[in-house]
Amino acid sequence: MATNRDHLAMEMVLDALEQGQAVVMYGTGTSMQPTINEGDAITVVPPVDIKVGDIVVILLSLDSLVAHRVIDIGTRQGRVYVRTKGDNKDKPDPCRAVEFVKGKVVSIEKLPRP
């Protein structure tokens, strides 16, 4: 469950992206391993020119942003949608309207490993 601090941080990230600014986020979890590991710094920019293969930051719920790879882009009933999947996951995420894509990962700085 997200804390108030987590929610505030997410709002700040979303606001910065909406204003055209790049943000740095840090990898958590295992869904994108080995591409993105825990603690890796990812630079995210506003989502322009999204294509299959890109890693995007997508709003999965009111309090959940996730960086996953775009595996399909299509149109249904006049709306553009994306399907994403974590590199380390067996199953894709549910389709989401393109409006839920909040950023595009443009660089990954690997955390030095001992």
PDB file of N, CA and C in Angstrom:
ATOM      1  N   MET A   1       0.846  -1.188   0.000  1.00  0.00           N
ATOM      2  CA  MET A   1       0.000   0.000   0.000  1.00  0.00           C
ATOM      3  C   MET A   1       0.887   1.246   0.000  1.00  0.00           C
ATOM      4  N   ALA A   2       0.544   2.174  -0.836  1.00  0.00           N
ATOM      5  CA  ALA A   2       1.342   3.390  -0.963  1.00  0.00           C
ATOM      6  C   ALA A   2       1.110   4.320   0.230  1.00  0.00           C
ATOM      7  N   THR A   3       2.185   4.941   0.676  1.00  0.00           N
ATOM      8  CA  THR A   3       2.071   5.918   1.750  1.00  0.00           C
ATOM      9  C   THR A   3       1.796   7.291   1.150  1.00  0.00           C
ATOM     10  N   ASN A   4       1.484   8.246   2.004  1.00  0.00           N
ATOM     11  CA  ASN A   4       1.283   9.614   1.523  1.00  0.00           C
ATOM     12  C   ASN A   4       2.534  10.137   0.843  1.00  0.00           C
ATOM     13  N   ARG A   5       3.707   9.762   1.370  1.00  0.00           N
ATOM     14  CA  ARG A   5       4.977  10.192   0.784  1.00  0.00           C
ATOM     15  C   ARG A   5       5.145   9.597  -0.613  1.00  0.00           C
ATOM     16  N   ASP A   6       4.800   8.308  -0.761  1.00  0.00           N
ATOM     17  CA  ASP A   6       4.873   7.660  -2.075  1.00  0.00           C
ATOM     18  C   ASP A   6       3.940   8.344  -3.064  1.00  0.00           C
ATOM     19  N   HIS A   7       2.739   8.651  -2.602  1.00  0.00           N
ATOM     20  CA  HIS A   7       1.756   9.299  -3.480  1.00  0.00           C
ATOM     21  C   HIS A   7       2.249  10.681  -3.897  1.00  0.00           C
ATOM     22  N   LEU A   8       2.803  11.438  -2.968  1.00  0.00           N
ATOM     23  CA  LEU A   8       3.330  12.763  -3.280  1.00  0.00           C
ATOM     24  C   LEU A   8       4.481  12.663  -4.276  1.00  0.00           C
ATOM     25  N   ALA A   9       5.378  11.698  -4.075  1.00  0.00           N
ATOM     26  CA  ALA A   9       6.502  11.512  -4.999  1.00  0.00           C
ATOM     27  C   ALA A   9       5.995  11.163  -6.396  1.00  0.00           C
ATOM     28  N   MET A  10       4.984  10.295  -6.483  1.00  0.00           N
ATOM     29  CA  MET A  10       4.431   9.936  -7.785  1.00  0.00           C
ATOM     30  C   MET A  10       3.808  11.153  -8.463  1.00  0.00           C
ATOM     31  N   GLU A  11       3.083  11.950  -7.707  1.00  0.00           N
ATOM     32  CA  GLU A  11       2.481  13.165  -8.268  1.00  0.00           C
ATOM     33  C   GLU A  11       3.550  14.127  -8.787  1.00  0.00           C
ATOM     34  N   MET A  12       4.657  14.252  -8.064  1.00  0.00           N
ATOM     35  CA  MET A  12       5.743  15.132  -8.506  1.00  0.00           C
ATOM     36  C   MET A  12       6.356  14.621  -9.803  1.00  0.00           C
ATOM     37  N   VAL A  13       6.555  13.308  -9.907  1.00  0.00           N
ATOM     38  CA  VAL A  13       7.089  12.721 -11.138  1.00  0.00           C
ATOM     39  C   VAL A  13       6.135  12.975 -12.294  1.00  0.00           C
ATOM     40  N   LEU A  14       4.846  12.702 -12.089  1.00  0.00           N
ATOM     41  CA  LEU A  14       3.860  12.896 -13.154  1.00  0.00           C
ATOM     42  C   LEU A  14       3.774  14.363 -13.573  1.00  0.00           C
ATOM     43  N   ASP A  15       3.800  15.274 -12.599  1.00  0.00           N
ATOM     44  CA  ASP A  15       3.753  16.708 -12.919  1.00  0.00           C
ATOM     45  C   ASP A  15       4.964  17.124 -13.750  1.00  0.00           C
ATOM     46  N   ALA A  16       6.146  16.659 -13.362  1.00  0.00           N
ATOM     47  CA  ALA A  16       7.362  17.015 -14.100  1.00  0.00           C
ATOM     48  C   ALA A  16       7.275  16.511 -15.536  1.00  0.00           C
ATOM     49  N   LEU A  17       6.842  15.267 -15.725  1.00  0.00           N
ATOM     50  CA  LEU A  17       6.729  14.713 -17.077  1.00  0.00           C
ATOM     51  C   LEU A  17       5.699  15.481 -17.898  1.00  0.00           C
ATOM     52  N   GLU A  18       4.570  15.830 -17.290  1.00  0.00           N
ATOM     53  CA  GLU A  18       3.541  16.592 -18.000  1.00  0.00           C
ATOM     54  C   GLU A  18       4.048  17.967 -18.420  1.00  0.00           C
ATOM     55  N   GLN A  19       5.011  18.504 -17.675  1.00  0.00           N
ATOM     56  CA  GLN A  19       5.594  19.808 -18.003  1.00  0.00           C
ATOM     57  C   GLN A  19       6.780  19.680 -18.959  1.00  0.00           C
ATOM     58  N   GLY A  20       7.035  18.465 -19.446  1.00  0.00           N
ATOM     59  CA  GLY A  20       8.088  18.265 -20.429  1.00  0.00           C
ATOM     60  C   GLY A  20       9.468  18.043 -19.863  1.00  0.00           C
ATOM     61  N   GLN A  21       9.563  17.796 -18.571  1.00  0.00           N
ATOM     62  CA  GLN A  21      10.861  17.622 -17.929  1.00  0.00           C
ATOM     63  C   GLN A  21      11.241  16.151 -17.851  1.00  0.00           C
ATOM     64  N   ALA A  22      12.535  15.880 -17.893  1.00  0.00           N
ATOM     65  CA  ALA A  22      13.050  14.532 -17.650  1.00  0.00           C
ATOM     66  C   ALA A  22      13.114  14.300 -16.146  1.00  0.00           C
ATOM     67  N   VAL A  23      12.912  13.060 -15.732  1.00  0.00           N
ATOM     68  CA  VAL A  23      13.033  12.700 -14.324  1.00  0.00           C
ATOM     69  C   VAL A  23      13.892  11.448 -14.204  1.00  0.00           C
ATOM     70  N   VAL A  24      14.505  11.284 -13.046  1.00  0.00           N
ATOM     71  CA  VAL A  24      15.271  10.076 -12.754  1.00  0.00           C
ATOM     72  C   VAL A  24      14.494   9.290 -11.707  1.00  0.00           C
ATOM     73  N   MET A  25      14.284   8.023 -12.019  1.00  0.00           N
ATOM     74  CA  MET A  25      13.611   7.111 -11.107  1.00  0.00           C
ATOM     75  C   MET A  25      14.582   5.962 -10.836  1.00  0.00           C
ATOM     76  N   TYR A  26      14.269   5.162  -9.832  1.00  0.00           N
ATOM     77  CA  TYR A  26      15.141   4.053  -9.474  1.00  0.00           C
ATOM     78  C   TYR A  26      14.388   2.735  -9.535  1.00  0.00           C
ATOM     79  N   GLY A  27      15.062   1.730 -10.094  1.00  0.00           N
ATOM     80  CA  GLY A  27      14.461   0.418 -10.243  1.00  0.00           C
ATOM     81  C   GLY A  27      14.102  -0.198  -8.904  1.00  0.00           C
ATOM     82  N   THR A  28      12.918  -0.782  -8.848  1.00  0.00           N
ATOM     83  CA  THR A  28      12.480  -1.568  -7.694  1.00  0.00           C
ATOM     84  C   THR A  28      11.835  -2.835  -8.242  1.00  0.00           C
ATOM     85  N   GLY A  29      11.883  -3.876  -7.490  1.00  0.00           N
ATOM     86  CA  GLY A  29      11.266  -5.110  -7.933  1.00  0.00           C
ATOM     87  C   GLY A  29      12.124  -5.866  -8.933  1.00  0.00           C
ATOM     88  N   THR A  30      11.535  -6.935  -9.494  1.00  0.00           N
ATOM     89  CA  THR A  30      12.291  -7.837 -10.357  1.00  0.00           C
ATOM     90  C   THR A  30      11.702  -7.985 -11.755  1.00  0.00           C
ATOM     91  N   SER A  31      10.615  -7.302 -12.047  1.00  0.00           N
ATOM     92  CA  SER A  31       9.897  -7.565 -13.299  1.00  0.00           C
ATOM     93  C   SER A  31      10.687  -7.219 -14.557  1.00  0.00           C
ATOM     94  N   MET A  32      11.671  -6.334 -14.471  1.00  0.00           N
ATOM     95  CA  MET A  32      12.441  -5.941 -15.660  1.00  0.00           C
ATOM     96  C   MET A  32      13.880  -6.460 -15.638  1.00  0.00           C
ATOM     97  N   GLN A  33      14.203  -7.347 -14.706  1.00  0.00           N
ATOM     98  CA  GLN A  33      15.558  -7.910 -14.677  1.00  0.00           C
ATOM     99  C   GLN A  33      15.797  -8.745 -15.923  1.00  0.00           C
ATOM    100  N   PRO A  34      16.979  -8.761 -16.468  1.00  0.00           N
ATOM    101  CA  PRO A  34      18.196  -8.076 -16.022  1.00  0.00           C
ATOM    102  C   PRO A  34      18.344  -6.665 -16.608  1.00  0.00           C
ATOM    103  N   THR A  35      17.378  -6.223 -17.402  1.00  0.00           N
ATOM    104  CA  THR A  35      17.492  -4.904 -18.038  1.00  0.00           C
ATOM    105  C   THR A  35      17.555  -3.793 -17.004  1.00  0.00           C
ATOM    106  N   ILE A  36      16.640  -3.837 -16.041  1.00  0.00           N
ATOM    107  CA  ILE A  36      16.614  -2.867 -14.939  1.00  0.00           C
ATOM    108  C   ILE A  36      16.592  -3.670 -13.642  1.00  0.00           C
ATOM    109  N   ASN A  37      17.603  -3.424 -12.804  1.00  0.00           N
ATOM    110  CA  ASN A  37      17.705  -4.100 -11.513  1.00  0.00           C
ATOM    111  C   ASN A  37      17.379  -3.130 -10.387  1.00  0.00           C
ATOM    112  N   GLU A  38      17.170  -3.681  -9.221  1.00  0.00           N
ATOM    113  CA  GLU A  38      16.929  -2.884  -8.019  1.00  0.00           C
ATOM    114  C   GLU A  38      18.024  -1.826  -7.884  1.00  0.00           C
ATOM    115  N   GLY A  39      17.631  -0.562  -7.763  1.00  0.00           N
ATOM    116  CA  GLY A  39      18.578   0.523  -7.551  1.00  0.00           C
ATOM    117  C   GLY A  39      19.145   1.163  -8.804  1.00  0.00           C
ATOM    118  N   ASP A  40      18.952   0.558  -9.981  1.00  0.00           N
ATOM    119  CA  ASP A  40      19.420   1.186 -11.222  1.00  0.00           C
ATOM    120  C   ASP A  40      18.677   2.501 -11.439  1.00  0.00           C
ATOM    121  N   ALA A  41      19.389   3.513 -11.903  1.00  0.00           N
ATOM    122  CA  ALA A  41      18.790   4.818 -12.188  1.00  0.00           C
ATOM    123  C   ALA A  41      18.284   4.822 -13.627  1.00  0.00           C
ATOM    124  N   ILE A  42      17.013   5.145 -13.799  1.00  0.00           N
ATOM    125  CA  ILE A  42      16.461   5.240 -15.147  1.00  0.00           C
ATOM    126  C   ILE A  42      16.026   6.683 -15.405  1.00  0.00           C
ATOM    127  N   THR A  43      16.416   7.189 -16.544  1.00  0.00           N
ATOM    128  CA  THR A  43      15.994   8.532 -16.943  1.00  0.00           C
ATOM    129  C   THR A  43      14.761   8.393 -17.813  1.00  0.00           C
ATOM    130  N   VAL A  44      13.722   9.130 -17.432  1.00  0.00           N
ATOM    131  CA  VAL A  44      12.425   9.050 -18.087  1.00  0.00           C
ATOM    132  C   VAL A  44      12.080  10.428 -18.640  1.00  0.00           C
ATOM    133  N   VAL A  45      11.609  10.455 -19.892  1.00  0.00           N
ATOM    134  CA  VAL A  45      11.185  11.697 -20.539  1.00  0.00           C
ATOM    135  C   VAL A  45       9.715  11.571 -20.924  1.00  0.00           C
ATOM    136  N   PRO A  46       9.068  12.677 -21.273  1.00  0.00           N
ATOM    137  CA  PRO A  46       7.679  12.579 -21.718  1.00  0.00           C
ATOM    138  C   PRO A  46       7.546  11.586 -22.880  1.00  0.00           C
ATOM    139  N   PRO A  47       6.404  10.907 -22.960  1.00  0.00           N
ATOM    140  CA  PRO A  47       6.240   9.805 -23.918  1.00  0.00           C
ATOM    141  C   PRO A  47       5.926  10.262 -25.333  1.00  0.00           C
ATOM    142  N   VAL A  48       6.972  10.557 -26.090  1.00  0.00           N
ATOM    143  CA  VAL A  48       6.811  10.967 -27.486  1.00  0.00           C
ATOM    144  C   VAL A  48       7.316   9.835 -28.368  1.00  0.00           C
ATOM    145  N   ASP A  49       6.600   9.556 -29.433  1.00  0.00           N
ATOM    146  CA  ASP A  49       7.040   8.573 -30.419  1.00  0.00           C
ATOM    147  C   ASP A  49       7.286   7.193 -29.793  1.00  0.00           C
ATOM    148  N   ILE A  50       6.266   6.652 -29.148  1.00  0.00           N
ATOM    149  CA  ILE A  50       6.366   5.332 -28.526  1.00  0.00           C
ATOM    150  C   ILE A  50       6.266   4.266 -29.608  1.00  0.00           C
ATOM    151  N   LYS A  51       7.151   3.254 -29.518  1.00  0.00           N
ATOM    152  CA  LYS A  51       7.099   2.146 -30.476  1.00  0.00           C
ATOM    153  C   LYS A  51       7.343   0.828 -29.747  1.00  0.00           C
ATOM    154  N   VAL A  52       6.996  -0.277 -30.400  1.00  0.00           N
ATOM    155  CA  VAL A  52       7.223  -1.596 -29.835  1.00  0.00           C
ATOM    156  C   VAL A  52       8.721  -1.741 -29.541  1.00  0.00           C
ATOM    157  N   GLY A  53       9.032  -2.249 -28.373  1.00  0.00           N
ATOM    158  CA  GLY A  53      10.415  -2.412 -27.935  1.00  0.00           C
ATOM    159  C   GLY A  53      10.857  -1.353 -26.937  1.00  0.00           C
ATOM    160  N   ASP A  54      10.185  -0.201 -26.927  1.00  0.00           N
ATOM    161  CA  ASP A  54      10.520   0.846 -25.965  1.00  0.00           C
ATOM    162  C   ASP A  54      10.152   0.400 -24.557  1.00  0.00           C
ATOM    163  N   ILE A  55      10.872   0.918 -23.572  1.00  0.00           N
ATOM    164  CA  ILE A  55      10.488   0.751 -22.177  1.00  0.00           C
ATOM    165  C   ILE A  55       9.774   2.034 -21.781  1.00  0.00           C
ATOM    166  N   VAL A  56       8.565   1.885 -21.282  1.00  0.00           N
ATOM    167  CA  VAL A  56       7.757   3.033 -20.901  1.00  0.00           C
ATOM    168  C   VAL A  56       7.382   2.947 -19.434  1.00  0.00           C
ATOM    169  N   VAL A  57       7.056   4.092 -18.872  1.00  0.00           N
ATOM    170  CA  VAL A  57       6.499   4.152 -17.522  1.00  0.00           C
ATOM    171  C   VAL A  57       5.006   4.326 -17.703  1.00  0.00           C
ATOM    172  N   ILE A  58       4.263   3.361 -17.153  1.00  0.00           N
ATOM    173  CA  ILE A  58       2.826   3.334 -17.358  1.00  0.00           C
ATOM    174  C   ILE A  58       2.115   3.354 -16.009  1.00  0.00           C
ATOM    175  N   LEU A  59       1.007   4.069 -15.960  1.00  0.00           N
ATOM    176  CA  LEU A  59       0.181   4.133 -14.763  1.00  0.00           C
ATOM    177  C   LEU A  59      -0.713   2.896 -14.756  1.00  0.00           C
ATOM    178  N   LEU A  60      -0.418   1.949 -13.852  1.00  0.00           N
ATOM    179  CA  LEU A  60      -1.202   0.712 -13.788  1.00  0.00           C
ATOM    180  C   LEU A  60      -2.406   0.842 -12.864  1.00  0.00           C
ATOM    181  N   SER A  61      -2.312   1.708 -11.858  1.00  0.00           N
ATOM    182  CA  SER A  61      -3.430   1.989 -10.962  1.00  0.00           C
ATOM    183  C   SER A  61      -3.214   3.377 -10.385  1.00  0.00           C
ATOM    184  N   LEU A  62      -4.109   3.805  -9.540  1.00  0.00           N
ATOM    185  CA  LEU A  62      -4.011   5.164  -9.003  1.00  0.00           C
ATOM    186  C   LEU A  62      -2.713   5.415  -8.249  1.00  0.00           C
ATOM    187  N   ASP A  63      -2.101   4.361  -7.724  1.00  0.00           N
ATOM    188  CA  ASP A  63      -0.881   4.559  -6.940  1.00  0.00           C
ATOM    189  C   ASP A  63       0.271   3.675  -7.403  1.00  0.00           C
ATOM    190  N   SER A  64       0.266   3.318  -8.695  1.00  0.00           N
ATOM    191  CA  SER A  64       1.295   2.398  -9.178  1.00  0.00           C
ATOM    192  C   SER A  64       1.809   2.795 -10.560  1.00  0.00           C
ATOM    193  N   LEU A  65       3.080   3.182 -10.610  1.00  0.00           N
ATOM    194  CA  LEU A  65       3.779   3.400 -11.865  1.00  0.00           C
ATOM    195  C   LEU A  65       4.726   2.228 -12.056  1.00  0.00           C
ATOM    196  N   VAL A  66       4.829   1.734 -13.285  1.00  0.00           N
ATOM    197  CA  VAL A  66       5.729   0.623 -13.550  1.00  0.00           C
ATOM    198  C   VAL A  66       6.441   0.868 -14.875  1.00  0.00           C
ATOM    199  N   ALA A  67       7.709   0.485 -14.934  1.00  0.00           N
ATOM    200  CA  ALA A  67       8.469   0.572 -16.181  1.00  0.00           C
ATOM    201  C   ALA A  67       8.473  -0.817 -16.811  1.00  0.00           C
ATOM    202  N   HIS A  68       7.798  -0.955 -17.949  1.00  0.00           N
ATOM    203  CA  HIS A  68       7.741  -2.225 -18.681  1.00  0.00           C
ATOM    204  C   HIS A  68       7.940  -1.954 -20.164  1.00  0.00           C
ATOM    205  N   ARG A  69       8.241  -3.007 -20.904  1.00  0.00           N
ATOM    206  CA  ARG A  69       8.516  -2.907 -22.328  1.00  0.00           C
ATOM    207  C   ARG A  69       7.222  -2.981 -23.134  1.00  0.00           C
ATOM    208  N   VAL A  70       7.113  -2.134 -24.160  1.00  0.00           N
ATOM    209  CA  VAL A  70       5.961  -2.163 -25.066  1.00  0.00           C
ATOM    210  C   VAL A  70       6.110  -3.373 -25.984  1.00  0.00           C
ATOM    211  N   ILE A  71       5.087  -4.243 -25.983  1.00  0.00           N
ATOM    212  CA  ILE A  71       5.125  -5.426 -26.850  1.00  0.00           C
ATOM    213  C   ILE A  71       4.092  -5.346 -27.977  1.00  0.00           C
ATOM    214  N   ASP A  72       3.163  -4.401 -27.888  1.00  0.00           N
ATOM    215  CA  ASP A  72       2.161  -4.243 -28.943  1.00  0.00           C
ATOM    216  C   ASP A  72       1.526  -2.871 -28.839  1.00  0.00           C
ATOM    217  N   ILE A  73       1.201  -2.295 -29.978  1.00  0.00           N
ATOM    218  CA  ILE A  73       0.451  -1.040 -30.058  1.00  0.00           C
ATOM    219  C   ILE A  73      -0.645  -1.284 -31.081  1.00  0.00           C
ATOM    220  N   GLY A  74      -1.847  -0.909 -30.744  1.00  0.00           N
ATOM    221  CA  GLY A  74      -2.948  -1.139 -31.671  1.00  0.00           C
ATOM    222  C   GLY A  74      -4.065  -0.140 -31.468  1.00  0.00           C
ATOM    223  N   THR A  75      -5.127  -0.333 -32.226  1.00  0.00           N
ATOM    224  CA  THR A  75      -6.293   0.538 -32.135  1.00  0.00           C
ATOM    225  C   THR A  75      -7.528  -0.325 -31.944  1.00  0.00           C
ATOM    226  N   ARG A  76      -8.360   0.082 -31.021  1.00  0.00           N
ATOM    227  CA  ARG A  76      -9.650  -0.563 -30.791  1.00  0.00           C
ATOM    228  C   ARG A  76     -10.704   0.518 -30.684  1.00  0.00           C
ATOM    229  N   GLN A  77     -11.724   0.406 -31.500  1.00  0.00           N
ATOM    230  CA  GLN A  77     -12.828   1.368 -31.472  1.00  0.00           C
ATOM    231  C   GLN A  77     -12.320   2.810 -31.493  1.00  0.00           C
ATOM    232  N   GLY A  78     -11.314   3.054 -32.321  1.00  0.00           N
ATOM    233  CA  GLY A  78     -10.795   4.400 -32.496  1.00  0.00           C
ATOM    234  C   GLY A  78      -9.827   4.876 -31.433  1.00  0.00           C
ATOM    235  N   ARG A  79      -9.523   4.039 -30.436  1.00  0.00           N
ATOM    236  CA  ARG A  79      -8.585   4.428 -29.374  1.00  0.00           C
ATOM    237  C   ARG A  79      -7.288   3.648 -29.522  1.00  0.00           C
ATOM    238  N   VAL A  80      -6.183   4.336 -29.327  1.00  0.00           N
ATOM    239  CA  VAL A  80      -4.879   3.695 -29.384  1.00  0.00           C
ATOM    240  C   VAL A  80      -4.592   3.074 -28.018  1.00  0.00           C
ATOM    241  N   TYR A  81      -4.102   1.841 -28.037  1.00  0.00           N
ATOM    242  CA  TYR A  81      -3.752   1.159 -26.797  1.00  0.00           C
ATOM    243  C   TYR A  81      -2.327   0.622 -26.911  1.00  0.00           C
ATOM    244  N   VAL A  82      -1.757   0.326 -25.738  1.00  0.00           N
ATOM    245  CA  VAL A  82      -0.453  -0.328 -25.672  1.00  0.00           C
ATOM    246  C   VAL A  82      -0.585  -1.555 -24.788  1.00  0.00           C
ATOM    247  N   ARG A  83       0.220  -2.545 -25.100  1.00  0.00           N
ATOM    248  CA  ARG A  83       0.351  -3.707 -24.227  1.00  0.00           C
ATOM    249  C   ARG A  83       1.815  -3.753 -23.823  1.00  0.00           C
ATOM    250  N   THR A  84       2.043  -3.922 -22.534  1.00  0.00           N
ATOM    251  CA  THR A  84       3.396  -3.940 -21.989  1.00  0.00           C
ATOM    252  C   THR A  84       3.648  -5.260 -21.268  1.00  0.00           C
ATOM    253  N   LYS A  85       4.927  -5.509 -21.009  1.00  0.00           N
ATOM    254  CA  LYS A  85       5.297  -6.729 -20.297  1.00  0.00           C
ATOM    255  C   LYS A  85       6.657  -6.512 -19.656  1.00  0.00           C
ATOM    256  N   GLY A  86       6.807  -6.960 -18.455  1.00  0.00           N
ATOM    257  CA  GLY A  86       8.112  -6.953 -17.810  1.00  0.00           C
ATOM    258  C   GLY A  86       9.010  -7.986 -18.471  1.00  0.00           C
ATOM    259  N   ASP A  87      10.270  -7.648 -18.703  1.00  0.00           N
ATOM    260  CA  ASP A  87      11.204  -8.579 -19.350  1.00  0.00           C
ATOM    261  C   ASP A  87      11.324  -9.893 -18.578  1.00  0.00           C
ATOM    262  N   ASN A  88      11.109  -9.864 -17.272  1.00  0.00           N
ATOM    263  CA  ASN A  88      11.258 -11.037 -16.419  1.00  0.00           C
ATOM    264  C   ASN A  88       9.904 -11.655 -16.059  1.00  0.00           C
ATOM    265  N   LYS A  89       8.869 -11.309 -16.789  1.00  0.00           N
ATOM    266  CA  LYS A  89       7.522 -11.831 -16.520  1.00  0.00           C
ATOM    267  C   LYS A  89       7.092 -12.774 -17.630  1.00  0.00           C
ATOM    268  N   ASP A  90       6.287 -13.764 -17.280  1.00  0.00           N
ATOM    269  CA  ASP A  90       5.772 -14.712 -18.265  1.00  0.00           C
ATOM    270  C   ASP A  90       4.591 -14.152 -19.042  1.00  0.00           C
ATOM    271  N   LYS A  91       3.764 -13.357 -18.373  1.00  0.00           N
ATOM    272  CA  LYS A  91       2.533 -12.870 -18.989  1.00  0.00           C
ATOM    273  C   LYS A  91       2.564 -11.354 -19.149  1.00  0.00           C
ATOM    274  N   PRO A  92       1.921 -10.840 -20.210  1.00  0.00           N
ATOM    275  CA  PRO A  92       1.866  -9.395 -20.410  1.00  0.00           C
ATOM    276  C   PRO A  92       0.894  -8.730 -19.444  1.00  0.00           C
ATOM    277  N   ASP A  93       1.048  -7.419 -19.331  1.00  0.00           N
ATOM    278  CA  ASP A  93       0.110  -6.602 -18.562  1.00  0.00           C
ATOM    279  C   ASP A  93      -1.178  -6.463 -19.375  1.00  0.00           C
ATOM    280  N   PRO A  94      -2.268  -6.080 -18.728  1.00  0.00           N
ATOM    281  CA  PRO A  94      -3.493  -5.794 -19.488  1.00  0.00           C
ATOM    282  C   PRO A  94      -3.259  -4.636 -20.460  1.00  0.00           C
ATOM    283  N   CYS A  95      -3.996  -4.622 -21.552  1.00  0.00           N
ATOM    284  CA  CYS A  95      -3.926  -3.491 -22.489  1.00  0.00           C
ATOM    285  C   CYS A  95      -4.346  -2.224 -21.763  1.00  0.00           C
ATOM    286  N   ARG A  96      -3.687  -1.129 -22.096  1.00  0.00           N
ATOM    287  CA  ARG A  96      -4.016   0.174 -21.514  1.00  0.00           C
ATOM    288  C   ARG A  96      -4.107   1.194 -22.637  1.00  0.00           C
ATOM    289  N   ALA A  97      -5.017   2.133 -22.480  1.00  0.00           N
ATOM    290  CA  ALA A  97      -5.089   3.252 -23.421  1.00  0.00           C
ATOM    291  C   ALA A  97      -3.758   3.996 -23.373  1.00  0.00           C
ATOM    292  N   VAL A  98      -3.338   4.525 -24.511  1.00  0.00           N
ATOM    293  CA  VAL A  98      -2.035   5.188 -24.604  1.00  0.00           C
ATOM    294  C   VAL A  98      -1.928   6.357 -23.611  1.00  0.00           C
ATOM    295  N   GLU A  99      -3.041   6.897 -23.181  1.00  0.00           N
ATOM    296  CA  GLU A  99      -3.011   7.990 -22.208  1.00  0.00           C
ATOM    297  C   GLU A  99      -2.403   7.574 -20.872  1.00  0.00           C
ATOM    298  N   PHE A 100      -2.372   6.262 -20.597  1.00  0.00           N
ATOM    299  CA  PHE A 100      -1.795   5.777 -19.349  1.00  0.00           C
ATOM    300  C   PHE A 100      -0.270   5.699 -19.414  1.00  0.00           C
ATOM    301  N   VAL A 101       0.308   5.836 -20.604  1.00  0.00           N
ATOM    302  CA  VAL A 101       1.761   5.883 -20.741  1.00  0.00           C
ATOM    303  C   VAL A 101       2.203   7.285 -20.331  1.00  0.00           C
ATOM    304  N   LYS A 102       2.969   7.355 -19.259  1.00  0.00           N
ATOM    305  CA  LYS A 102       3.352   8.652 -18.688  1.00  0.00           C
ATOM    306  C   LYS A 102       4.779   9.056 -19.003  1.00  0.00           C
ATOM    307  N   GLY A 103       5.609   8.115 -19.460  1.00  0.00           N
ATOM    308  CA  GLY A 103       6.992   8.447 -19.766  1.00  0.00           C
ATOM    309  C   GLY A 103       7.648   7.351 -20.575  1.00  0.00           C
ATOM    310  N   LYS A 104       8.806   7.685 -21.127  1.00  0.00           N
ATOM    311  CA  LYS A 104       9.605   6.756 -21.931  1.00  0.00           C
ATOM    312  C   LYS A 104      11.014   6.733 -21.345  1.00  0.00           C
ATOM    313  N   VAL A 105      11.521   5.536 -21.090  1.00  0.00           N
ATOM    314  CA  VAL A 105      12.870   5.384 -20.536  1.00  0.00           C
ATOM    315  C   VAL A 105      13.877   5.617 -21.657  1.00  0.00           C
ATOM    316  N   VAL A 106      14.801   6.556 -21.441  1.00  0.00           N
ATOM    317  CA  VAL A 106      15.797   6.863 -22.462  1.00  0.00           C
ATOM    318  C   VAL A 106      17.208   6.454 -22.052  1.00  0.00           C
ATOM    319  N   SER A 107      17.413   6.164 -20.766  1.00  0.00           N
ATOM    320  CA  SER A 107      18.725   5.651 -20.359  1.00  0.00           C
ATOM    321  C   SER A 107      18.581   4.888 -19.038  1.00  0.00           C
ATOM    322  N   ILE A 108      19.491   3.942 -18.877  1.00  0.00           N
ATOM    323  CA  ILE A 108      19.545   3.126 -17.653  1.00  0.00           C
ATOM    324  C   ILE A 108      20.983   3.162 -17.165  1.00  0.00           C
ATOM    325  N   GLU A 109      21.163   3.646 -15.951  1.00  0.00           N
ATOM    326  CA  GLU A 109      22.497   3.656 -15.331  1.00  0.00           C
ATOM    327  C   GLU A 109      22.530   2.543 -14.302  1.00  0.00           C
ATOM    328  N   LYS A 110      23.338   1.538 -14.583  1.00  0.00           N
ATOM    329  CA  LYS A 110      23.397   0.366 -13.713  1.00  0.00           C
ATOM    330  C   LYS A 110      24.043   0.701 -12.378  1.00  0.00           C
ATOM    331  N   LEU A 111      23.433   0.243 -11.299  1.00  0.00           N
ATOM    332  CA  LEU A 111      24.011   0.387  -9.969  1.00  0.00           C
ATOM    333  C   LEU A 111      25.255  -0.492  -9.902  1.00  0.00           C
ATOM    334  N   PRO A 112      26.375   0.065  -9.469  1.00  0.00           N
ATOM    335  CA  PRO A 112      27.577  -0.772  -9.358  1.00  0.00           C
ATOM    336  C   PRO A 112      27.322  -1.952  -8.418  1.00  0.00           C
ATOM    337  N   ARG A 113      27.732  -3.109  -8.852  1.00  0.00           N
ATOM    338  CA  ARG A 113      27.559  -4.333  -8.052  1.00  0.00           C
ATOM    339  C   ARG A 113      28.898  -4.705  -7.431  1.00  0.00           C
ATOM    340  N   PRO A 114      28.853  -5.156  -6.157  1.00  0.00           N
ATOM    341  CA  PRO A 114      30.109  -5.534  -5.475  1.00  0.00           C
ATOM    342  C   PRO A 114      30.758  -6.731  -6.109  1.00  0.00           C
TER     343      PRO A 114
END
